[in-house]
Amino acid sequence: MWIWGETGVAACDRALADARLIDAFWLRRANLIQAKALHSIAANRPEQALTLTTESGALGAAHDDRYFTQSIGAGNEGVRAYALIATGRKDEAKAAIDRLRTGRPFAQSIQQLATRLQLHLDASFSGQSQEIRNVIPLSPEKAGSLFWMHFLHGNYAEARAIAPVVSFDLPKQRGGWTLHGADQNVLDGIGLRSTFYGAWAYADTVTGHNDHAASLLTEANAEVEEIMAPPQPRSDGRPPKKKNVEEYERRLPYARKAKDELALWKAAINFRPRVTIQPIGETHSAFLKMRLDTLPIAPDILMNVPQENPAEKAEAQTALASIRNRLEAERIAALDFPVKDVIALLPRPETPKVVPRLKPAGDGYFLSASGLTRDREGKSDIWTIRYTHLLAPIAAVEELAMLGAALTAKKEGYDSLLLLSRIGIARTTNVTSYYGGGYQQNSGYESQMRVRFLNASAIPQELQGMEWRLIPAQRVIDELANRYTEGGITIAW
């Protein structure tokens, strides 16, 4: 059960006063003081929180501990920024966010905390869209939300520009590990892809790229048709395996729904030119009859209907304002950043014992599963890079995955990384017994990325204009190699 505010402050005070919290446990004391600072903010005492973050930081400074600086110290910057925002001291809050961001530039979880704080500080549409664009090179999964922000706001050129960055292809998994909910995610992904490609085609049409819109819909429909195809008999003439038939039956309703939605997007694209030449009442009736109201295009339609008299103009403007106000309220609500979310994103304490070396992972049975693994997609320049560790905090695991990717790129003769997709995973091992029962155990974190290696001076034609997404491999190495050198770096290429 979560406790907040004054109750949390009191709990921290009791823990700090405990005689068992001896000087040797100074790291625990610093962490408790940080927790007290957060509870102070929840208790509407942000000024006290600022004093407490300074007190926590002083403990780290007294011990001259770099592991403290990159973990609890970084968290103190985040808590400090959160408190400064509560006091209205925006410039100081921005400075604290910048220090947090630059301290560990290649740890996605740290950057996510910085982003949430920045959006807590500046919730404007322009501020949010710029912030998301800035983090896409390291966190490409954010591209989808930026696409929909622009699409729903009617910024179709901007939506079209970011659309090629969106990827539904996740990094490859390995061994016996599976993602929680992976089967359902695959089914849901059928509809998500169709919705996205339909919207992209609509944005293409609005901005005059009709041929590309048509090709997108053709490709999307072909993909759905392939999903809807029943399993074929086996090579020896026997019926398809039962497993394949069951998988087909599960995905068929999702594919049919996706096909229907693609038909709706095509209808919407064909309907749009009619809007400017027919009466508003006729447009409204046809819009509802064709079920186009189920697509997020009403603002665009309202912007294009002819308004023959003041009453029609006022009605259209009122409806448009209502939709935009609702969308803006939903956007702002999604940026809410309560204390519990801050806690979830704070970096965990690091010590020399939990900070790993960069080394290859074993098979997980006879060798340790912790370490770096890499899989190349055929003979292409696209790789899946993973780093796993049983004890290290997620920030360290993310950095080691980035370092492994950068070193791999250099070995393969490339100077830049382009992240296509990325996920961070908290791993759990499920243990079962033939004699009944079983248990689960925490198995650490894993950072996975699907990355393309490039040379900045020779960008392929299909990636022209995407230079802003490139991450220099040497910059990653310069930032991280020394951090993880202690104990030696062992990489079996």
Foldseek 3Di string as FASTA:
>chain_A
DDDAAPVLLVVLVVVLPDPVCDPVVLLVNLVSLQSNLLRNVRNVNLVVSLVSLVVSVVSCVVVVDVLCCLAVVLLSLLSNLVSCLSVVVLVSSLVSLVCQCVSQVQQVLSLVSSLLSQCSNPVDLVSNLVSLVLCCLNAVCSLVVSLVSCLLVVVLVSNLVSLVLHDPDFFDDDDPDDDVCVLVCVLVVLQVLLLSLLSSLLSCLVVPNNVVSVVSLVVNLVVLVVLQDQDCQDPVRHRDDPVSRVSSVVNNVSSVVSNVVSVLSVVVSVCQVVQQPDAPVVSVVVCVVSVVVVRSCLLVSLVRHDDPDPVSVVVSVVVNVVSVVVVSVVSSVVSDQRSVNSVVSRGDRDDPVQQAAAEDADPVPPTHRAHWDKDDDPPAQKIKIKGWDQRHTSSSRSLSSLLVVLVVLVVVPFFKKGWSHKDKDFDKDWAADPVDDTDIDGRGIMIITIIGGHHLVCDDPVCPVVSSSIDTSVVSCVSPVVVRCVVHHYYDD
